[in-house]
Amino acid sequence: MSQTTSSTSFAVTEAADRRSADEIAHLLANPGFGSLFTEHMVLVEWTGDTGWQEARVVPYGPIPLDPSAAVFHYAQEIFEGMKAYRHSDGTVWTFRPERNAERFNASARRLAMPELPPTIFLDAIKELVTLDQGWVPPADSGETSLYLRPFMIATEEALGVRPSNRYLFSVIASPAGAYFTGGLTPVSLWVSDQYVRAAAGGTGAAKCGGNYAASLASQAEGIEHGCDQVVFLDAAEHRYVEELGGMNLFFVYADGRVVTPELTGTILPGITRSSLIDLLRERGHDVTERRFTIDEWRDGVAGGEITEVFACGTAAVITPVGRLAWSGGELAMPQDHSLTLDLRQELLDIQYGRAEDRHGWLYQLV
């Protein structure tokens, strides 16, 4: 476990109409996902002349932008997703935020945006959660947490296809319940044969809004076929499994081997994915990161070699896959989710402080 003191100076303006503890408790009883927001947000600005400046925490609210702001026209925008967890002693922690800071800057480089010093990234999260810590759900409230959304947008008021000369970094926070409203039930997946998420040399490894916007048409197609999420295949051959719209995939074999698609530059390097690879190897599983075809998936399940399939990500944590469908067919996944659920519990126990953090993954915020 790690903890640091803030080294970034933030000017703080508290909201005048803060909710009472009773009001917050009422809202936290059923927070949903991404629909409620805490009372404050972090703002830090960058210009080509001055660099990062004006770090501040202000009341949550609209951000004024000129209609010509570059983000509207050229989509320079990146973000991260994290969670803050209340432990039984009342302290509040997050999970591997240094990795989020690293990925944020990798996304920034790909979109020709300025890198944010990791100290500012971490201090911003700590500052916001400290001020709005009353919005972190109690430790005994199940899998609830405070979802954190750091993001950066281009704000220069000018048209022209070039990197912006002004940017805004912000952090907002949203109390969150379960990602899937139906609870922890196996998800059904639609294999998209018409759309791709990313191509070699593109922005697949960056966490930018454009990747998610490009996935929405195929997501709608999947819903039309009774599926929860979409499986994207590679753009060149339409054979290799990449990821879902927002989650990585794992395939468990009867002999204990585990395969997950390798990071080819078109797949987002998930922090949950990386953590699960470590936990699986500690359990003695042979984990291979390699290219994995859709035919291997279907044949492996049909022949009984693949015994479990699961998806993972920050928001959903880990969820079993129950059905795979595509144009002209579908296949039920194995019903034994024992390793999936056991891994899920192990990861949650670490995040909520119920198990030893032997990797030093937790970072104290409050």
Protein backbone atom coordinates (compact mmCIF):
# COMPACT_ATOMS: atom_id res chain seq x y z
CA MET A 1 0.00 0.00 0.00
CA SER A 2 1.24 3.48 -0.81
CA GLN A 3 0.34 6.97 0.27
CA THR A 4 1.70 10.35 -0.67
CA THR A 5 1.08 13.91 0.37
CA SER A 6 -0.05 16.37 -2.27
CA SER A 7 2.75 18.33 -3.95
CA THR A 8 0.46 20.30 -6.26
CA SER A 9 -1.15 23.46 -4.90
CA PHE A 10 -4.89 23.61 -5.65
CA ALA A 11 -7.05 26.67 -5.09
CA VAL A 12 -10.29 25.34 -3.56
CA THR A 13 -13.74 26.91 -3.95
CA GLU A 14 -16.32 24.88 -2.07
CA ALA A 15 -19.86 24.52 -3.34
CA ALA A 16 -22.27 26.74 -1.43
CA ASP A 17 -25.15 24.24 -1.43
CA ARG A 18 -23.50 21.01 -0.31
CA ARG A 19 -25.82 18.09 0.41
CA SER A 20 -26.29 16.82 3.94
CA ALA A 21 -24.98 13.42 5.05
CA ASP A 22 -28.56 12.12 5.10
CA GLU A 23 -29.20 13.29 1.52
CA ILE A 24 -26.01 11.65 0.31
CA ALA A 25 -26.83 8.41 2.13
CA HIS A 26 -30.22 8.34 0.40
CA LEU A 27 -28.59 8.79 -3.02
CA LEU A 28 -25.93 6.18 -2.30
CA ALA A 29 -28.60 3.57 -1.54
CA ASN A 30 -29.14 3.20 -5.30
CA PRO A 31 -26.44 5.14 -7.17
CA GLY A 32 -26.69 3.38 -10.55
CA PHE A 33 -23.69 3.95 -12.78
CA GLY A 34 -22.57 7.31 -14.17
CA SER A 35 -25.77 9.19 -13.41
CA LEU A 36 -24.93 10.96 -10.12
CA PHE A 37 -21.96 13.26 -9.58
CA THR A 38 -20.28 14.70 -6.52
CA GLU A 39 -20.28 18.39 -5.70
CA HIS A 40 -16.83 19.35 -6.99
CA MET A 41 -14.46 18.87 -9.90
CA VAL A 42 -10.79 19.52 -10.60
CA LEU A 43 -9.66 21.85 -13.37
CA VAL A 44 -6.07 22.44 -14.55
CA GLU A 45 -5.19 24.37 -17.72
CA TRP A 46 -2.31 24.13 -20.19
CA THR A 47 -1.08 26.53 -22.84
CA GLY A 48 1.89 26.28 -25.14
CA ASP A 49 3.41 29.36 -23.51
CA THR A 50 2.94 28.62 -19.82
CA GLY A 51 2.51 24.83 -19.50
CA TRP A 52 0.26 23.48 -16.74
CA GLN A 53 -1.24 26.14 -14.49
CA GLU A 54 -4.29 27.27 -12.49
CA ALA A 55 -4.87 23.99 -10.63
CA ARG A 56 -8.13 24.36 -8.78
CA VAL A 57 -11.11 22.53 -7.29
CA VAL A 58 -14.43 24.19 -8.02
CA PRO A 59 -18.13 23.35 -7.67
CA TYR A 60 -19.28 20.76 -10.20
CA GLY A 61 -20.98 22.35 -13.17
CA PRO A 62 -20.89 23.18 -16.89
CA ILE A 63 -17.54 24.03 -18.49
CA PRO A 64 -17.85 27.08 -20.77
CA LEU A 65 -16.38 26.39 -24.22
CA ASP A 66 -16.33 28.43 -27.39
CA PRO A 67 -18.15 26.80 -30.35
CA SER A 68 -14.83 26.79 -32.20
CA ALA A 69 -13.02 24.85 -29.43
CA ALA A 70 -10.80 22.24 -31.04
CA VAL A 71 -12.33 19.31 -29.14
CA PHE A 72 -15.61 19.80 -31.02
CA HIS A 73 -14.02 19.68 -34.45
CA TYR A 74 -10.90 17.55 -34.23
CA ALA A 75 -11.72 15.23 -31.30
CA GLN A 76 -8.61 15.80 -29.21
CA GLU A 77 -9.95 14.16 -26.05
CA ILE A 78 -8.69 11.43 -23.73
CA PHE A 79 -9.86 10.00 -20.42
CA GLU A 80 -9.30 7.39 -17.73
CA GLY A 81 -11.56 5.32 -15.49
CA MET A 82 -10.76 4.48 -11.87
CA LYS A 83 -12.52 3.73 -8.60
CA ALA A 84 -12.16 4.82 -4.98
CA TYR A 85 -12.99 2.17 -2.37
CA ARG A 86 -13.99 2.61 1.26
CA HIS A 87 -12.24 0.19 3.59
CA SER A 88 -13.70 -1.09 6.85
CA ASP A 89 -11.62 1.36 8.92
CA GLY A 90 -13.12 4.31 7.04
CA THR A 91 -10.07 5.08 4.91
CA VAL A 92 -10.42 5.48 1.13
CA TRP A 93 -8.12 3.90 -1.43
CA THR A 94 -7.77 3.55 -5.17
CA PHE A 95 -6.16 0.82 -7.28
CA ARG A 96 -2.90 1.20 -9.23
CA PRO A 97 -3.42 4.87 -10.15
CA GLU A 98 0.19 5.19 -11.28
CA ARG A 99 -0.72 2.87 -14.18
CA ASN A 100 -3.68 5.09 -15.06
CA ALA A 101 -1.36 8.09 -15.08
CA GLU A 102 1.04 6.25 -17.40
CA ARG A 103 -1.76 5.21 -19.77
CA PHE A 104 -3.20 8.73 -19.72
CA ASN A 105 0.11 10.09 -20.97
CA ALA A 106 0.43 7.34 -23.58
CA SER A 107 -3.00 8.39 -24.87
CA ALA A 108 -1.91 12.04 -24.81
CA ARG A 109 1.17 11.29 -26.91
CA ARG A 110 -0.89 9.40 -29.50
CA LEU A 111 -3.34 12.29 -29.87
CA ALA A 112 -0.61 14.96 -29.95
CA MET A 113 -1.69 16.38 -26.61
CA PRO A 114 0.60 17.56 -23.78
CA GLU A 115 1.59 15.00 -21.18
CA LEU A 116 0.38 15.63 -17.65
CA PRO A 117 2.94 15.21 -14.85
CA PRO A 118 1.90 12.09 -12.91
CA THR A 119 2.13 14.08 -9.66
CA ILE A 120 -0.63 16.41 -10.89
CA PHE A 121 -2.74 13.43 -11.99
CA LEU A 122 -2.44 11.73 -8.60
CA ASP A 123 -2.76 14.92 -6.56
CA ALA A 124 -5.89 15.92 -8.46
CA ILE A 125 -7.61 12.65 -7.62
CA LYS A 126 -6.54 12.87 -3.99
CA GLU A 127 -7.70 16.48 -3.69
CA LEU A 128 -11.13 15.77 -5.16
CA VAL A 129 -11.79 12.61 -3.16
CA THR A 130 -10.64 14.27 0.07
CA LEU A 131 -13.11 17.12 -0.42
CA ASP A 132 -15.97 14.86 -1.55
CA GLN A 133 -15.15 11.84 0.61
CA GLY A 134 -18.70 11.74 1.95
CA TRP A 135 -19.75 10.44 -1.47
CA VAL A 136 -17.59 7.30 -1.19
CA PRO A 137 -20.08 4.52 -0.30
CA PRO A 138 -19.71 2.67 3.03
CA ALA A 139 -17.51 -0.40 3.17
CA ASP A 140 -20.48 -2.66 3.95
CA SER A 141 -22.59 -1.58 0.96
CA GLY A 142 -21.58 -4.32 -1.45
CA GLU A 143 -19.68 -3.59 -4.67
CA THR A 144 -20.27 0.13 -4.57
CA SER A 145 -17.49 2.66 -5.08
CA LEU A 146 -16.77 6.19 -6.21
CA TYR A 147 -15.99 6.11 -9.93
CA LEU A 148 -13.32 8.64 -10.95
CA ARG A 149 -13.13 10.11 -14.43
CA PRO A 150 -9.97 12.11 -15.26
CA PHE A 151 -10.10 13.60 -18.77
CA MET A 152 -8.41 16.15 -21.02
CA ILE A 153 -9.89 18.18 -23.87
CA ALA A 154 -8.54 20.63 -26.44
CA THR A 155 -9.97 24.11 -25.82
CA GLU A 156 -8.22 26.48 -28.25
CA GLU A 157 -10.71 28.74 -30.02
CA ALA A 158 -9.65 28.23 -33.62
CA LEU A 159 -10.31 26.06 -36.64
CA GLY A 160 -7.46 24.28 -38.34
CA VAL A 161 -6.24 20.68 -38.44
CA ARG A 162 -3.33 20.88 -36.02
CA PRO A 163 -2.73 20.21 -32.32
CA SER A 164 -4.48 22.71 -30.08
CA ASN A 165 -2.47 25.30 -28.19
CA ARG A 166 -4.77 25.12 -25.14
CA TYR A 167 -6.02 22.14 -23.10
CA LEU A 168 -8.09 21.54 -19.99
CA PHE A 169 -7.55 18.63 -17.61
CA SER A 170 -10.41 17.76 -15.29
CA VAL A 171 -11.47 15.11 -12.79
CA ILE A 172 -15.09 14.38 -11.92
CA ALA A 173 -16.47 11.69 -9.62
CA SER A 174 -19.62 9.59 -9.63
CA PRO A 175 -20.84 7.15 -6.95
CA ALA A 176 -21.36 3.82 -8.66
CA GLY A 177 -23.23 0.60 -8.11
CA ALA A 178 -23.02 -2.44 -10.37
CA TYR A 179 -22.01 -1.77 -13.99
CA PHE A 180 -24.52 -4.27 -15.36
CA THR A 181 -28.02 -3.43 -14.14
CA GLY A 182 -29.04 -7.10 -14.25
CA GLY A 183 -26.38 -7.99 -11.69
CA LEU A 184 -23.56 -10.46 -12.05
CA THR A 185 -25.03 -12.71 -14.72
CA PRO A 186 -23.14 -14.07 -17.75
CA VAL A 187 -23.14 -11.56 -20.60
CA SER A 188 -23.98 -12.36 -24.19
CA LEU A 189 -21.64 -11.16 -26.93
CA TRP A 190 -22.22 -10.29 -30.58
CA VAL A 191 -19.37 -10.81 -33.07
CA SER A 192 -19.26 -7.80 -35.34
CA ASP A 193 -18.43 -8.71 -38.95
CA GLN A 194 -19.27 -5.28 -40.35
CA TYR A 195 -17.45 -2.91 -37.99
CA VAL A 196 -13.96 -2.80 -36.49
CA ARG A 197 -12.84 -0.96 -33.40
CA ALA A 198 -9.28 -0.09 -34.43
CA ALA A 199 -6.66 -0.70 -37.09
CA ALA A 200 -2.88 -0.99 -36.97
CA GLY A 201 -1.35 2.45 -36.59
CA GLY A 202 -4.63 3.90 -35.29
CA THR A 203 -5.75 4.88 -31.81
CA GLY A 204 -6.77 1.46 -30.48
CA ALA A 205 -4.28 1.56 -27.61
CA ALA A 206 -5.34 5.08 -26.60
CA LYS A 207 -8.27 5.71 -24.29
CA CYS A 208 -9.98 8.36 -26.37
CA GLY A 209 -13.63 9.08 -26.94
CA GLY A 210 -13.42 8.46 -30.68
CA ASN A 211 -12.80 4.75 -30.12
CA TYR A 212 -15.97 4.48 -28.09
CA ALA A 213 -18.02 6.56 -30.52
CA ALA A 214 -16.93 4.22 -33.31
CA SER A 215 -18.19 1.24 -31.32
CA LEU A 216 -21.74 2.50 -30.82
CA ALA A 217 -23.16 1.41 -34.18
CA SER A 218 -21.98 -2.15 -33.64
CA GLN A 219 -23.20 -2.03 -30.04
CA ALA A 220 -26.66 -1.14 -31.35
CA GLU A 221 -26.41 -4.02 -33.81
CA GLY A 222 -25.56 -6.38 -30.97
CA ILE A 223 -28.50 -5.20 -28.89
CA GLU A 224 -30.80 -5.85 -31.86
CA HIS A 225 -29.61 -9.46 -31.73
CA GLY A 226 -30.23 -9.76 -28.00
CA CYS A 227 -26.61 -9.31 -26.90
CA ASP A 228 -25.10 -7.15 -24.17
CA GLN A 229 -21.73 -6.34 -25.70
CA VAL A 230 -19.82 -6.58 -28.99
CA VAL A 231 -16.69 -8.59 -29.80
CA PHE A 232 -14.40 -6.77 -32.22
CA LEU A 233 -12.11 -8.64 -34.62
CA ASP A 234 -8.93 -7.33 -36.21
CA ALA A 235 -9.29 -4.87 -39.08
CA ALA A 236 -6.97 -6.66 -41.54
CA GLU A 237 -8.18 -10.27 -41.62
CA HIS A 238 -11.34 -10.21 -39.49
CA ARG A 239 -10.12 -13.38 -37.78
CA TYR A 240 -8.41 -12.39 -34.58
CA VAL A 241 -10.29 -11.55 -31.39
CA GLU A 242 -9.33 -8.16 -30.00
CA GLU A 243 -11.59 -6.86 -27.22
CA LEU A 244 -15.11 -5.75 -26.39
CA GLY A 245 -16.17 -2.14 -26.60
CA GLY A 246 -14.71 -1.50 -23.15
CA MET A 247 -13.33 -4.76 -21.77
CA ASN A 248 -10.54 -7.29 -22.36
CA LEU A 249 -11.18 -11.03 -22.84
CA PHE A 250 -9.70 -14.19 -21.26
CA PHE A 251 -10.10 -17.85 -22.27
CA VAL A 252 -9.58 -20.65 -19.75
CA TYR A 253 -8.67 -24.16 -20.95
CA ALA A 254 -9.48 -27.47 -19.31
CA ASP A 255 -5.79 -28.09 -18.55
CA GLY A 256 -5.51 -24.77 -16.69
CA ARG A 257 -3.93 -22.75 -19.49
CA VAL A 258 -5.26 -19.23 -19.98
CA VAL A 259 -5.06 -17.19 -23.18
CA THR A 260 -5.74 -13.48 -23.63
CA PRO A 261 -5.30 -11.50 -26.86
CA GLU A 262 -1.90 -9.86 -26.98
CA LEU A 263 -1.43 -6.10 -27.02
CA THR A 264 -0.79 -5.38 -30.68
CA GLY A 265 -1.35 -1.63 -30.57
CA THR A 266 -5.02 -2.00 -31.45
CA ILE A 267 -6.10 -3.18 -27.98
CA LEU A 268 -6.41 -1.01 -24.89
CA PRO A 269 -3.87 -2.17 -22.27
CA GLY A 270 -6.32 -2.75 -19.43
CA ILE A 271 -5.07 -2.32 -15.86
CA THR A 272 -7.51 -4.96 -14.65
CA ARG A 273 -6.22 -7.21 -17.44
CA SER A 274 -2.62 -6.78 -16.29
CA SER A 275 -3.54 -7.42 -12.66
CA LEU A 276 -5.42 -10.61 -13.50
CA ILE A 277 -2.47 -11.95 -15.49
CA ASP A 278 -0.35 -11.56 -12.35
CA LEU A 279 -2.95 -13.20 -10.10
CA LEU A 280 -3.44 -16.11 -12.50
CA ARG A 281 0.28 -16.79 -12.76
CA GLU A 282 0.58 -16.72 -8.98
CA ARG A 283 -2.08 -19.42 -8.91
CA GLY A 284 0.07 -21.56 -11.21
CA HIS A 285 -1.76 -20.96 -14.47
CA ASP A 286 0.20 -20.77 -17.71
CA VAL A 287 -1.00 -17.43 -19.11
CA THR A 288 -0.23 -16.72 -22.75
CA GLU A 289 -0.71 -13.39 -24.47
CA ARG A 290 -1.05 -14.10 -28.18
CA ARG A 291 -3.24 -13.59 -31.22
CA PHE A 292 -6.38 -15.67 -30.83
CA THR A 293 -8.83 -16.38 -33.63
CA ILE A 294 -12.60 -16.43 -33.47
CA ASP A 295 -12.48 -20.00 -34.85
CA GLU A 296 -10.26 -21.07 -31.94
CA TRP A 297 -12.86 -19.65 -29.61
CA ARG A 298 -15.81 -21.38 -31.22
CA ASP A 299 -14.03 -24.69 -31.80
CA GLY A 300 -12.50 -24.68 -28.32
CA VAL A 301 -15.88 -24.24 -26.65
CA ALA A 302 -17.64 -26.72 -28.95
CA GLY A 303 -14.94 -29.35 -28.32
CA GLY A 304 -14.81 -28.84 -24.56
CA GLU A 305 -11.23 -27.54 -24.48
CA ILE A 306 -12.25 -24.03 -23.39
CA THR A 307 -14.04 -24.27 -20.07
CA GLU A 308 -14.52 -20.60 -19.12
CA VAL A 309 -14.59 -17.25 -20.90
CA PHE A 310 -14.64 -13.94 -19.06
CA ALA A 311 -14.29 -10.22 -19.73
CA CYS A 312 -12.71 -7.63 -17.46
CA GLY A 313 -12.43 -3.89 -17.01
CA THR A 314 -12.45 -1.22 -14.31
CA ALA A 315 -16.18 -0.58 -14.40
CA ALA A 316 -17.43 -4.17 -14.64
CA VAL A 317 -14.46 -5.74 -12.77
CA ILE A 318 -14.81 -9.31 -14.10
CA THR A 319 -17.90 -10.80 -15.71
CA PRO A 320 -18.45 -14.30 -17.12
CA VAL A 321 -19.42 -14.73 -20.77
CA GLY A 322 -22.48 -16.91 -21.30
CA ARG A 323 -23.25 -16.75 -25.01
CA LEU A 324 -21.57 -15.89 -28.29
CA ALA A 325 -23.66 -14.96 -31.33
CA TRP A 326 -22.84 -13.97 -34.90
CA SER A 327 -24.54 -13.70 -38.26
CA GLY A 328 -25.86 -17.20 -38.88
CA GLY A 329 -25.18 -18.84 -35.54
CA GLU A 330 -24.67 -18.78 -31.81
CA LEU A 331 -22.93 -20.87 -29.17
CA ALA A 332 -23.53 -21.24 -25.44
CA MET A 333 -20.43 -20.86 -23.29
CA PRO A 334 -19.59 -23.40 -20.55
CA GLN A 335 -21.66 -22.86 -17.41
CA ASP A 336 -18.82 -23.45 -14.94
CA HIS A 337 -17.57 -20.01 -13.91
CA SER A 338 -15.66 -21.14 -10.82
CA LEU A 339 -12.27 -19.65 -11.71
CA THR A 340 -13.86 -16.47 -13.04
CA LEU A 341 -15.83 -15.87 -9.87
CA ASP A 342 -12.93 -16.85 -7.61
CA LEU A 343 -10.61 -14.41 -9.39
CA ARG A 344 -13.25 -11.72 -9.21
CA GLN A 345 -13.56 -12.18 -5.46
CA GLU A 346 -9.79 -12.14 -4.99
CA LEU A 347 -9.43 -8.88 -6.87
CA LEU A 348 -12.35 -7.25 -5.04
CA ASP A 349 -10.98 -8.37 -1.68
CA ILE A 350 -7.68 -6.64 -2.47
CA GLN A 351 -9.39 -3.47 -3.68
CA TYR A 352 -11.69 -3.23 -0.65
CA GLY A 353 -8.91 -4.01 1.82
CA ARG A 354 -10.24 -7.41 2.87
CA ALA A 355 -7.11 -9.22 1.67
CA GLU A 356 -3.41 -8.46 1.91
CA ASP A 357 -2.13 -6.08 -0.74
CA ARG A 358 1.03 -8.07 -1.36
CA HIS A 359 1.73 -6.28 -4.66
CA GLY A 360 1.51 -2.72 -3.36
CA TRP A 361 -1.36 -1.97 -5.74
CA LEU A 362 -3.43 0.18 -3.36
CA TYR A 363 -2.97 3.92 -3.03
CA GLN A 364 -4.50 5.80 -0.11
CA LEU A 365 -6.54 8.89 -0.90
CA VAL A 366 -8.11 9.68 2.48
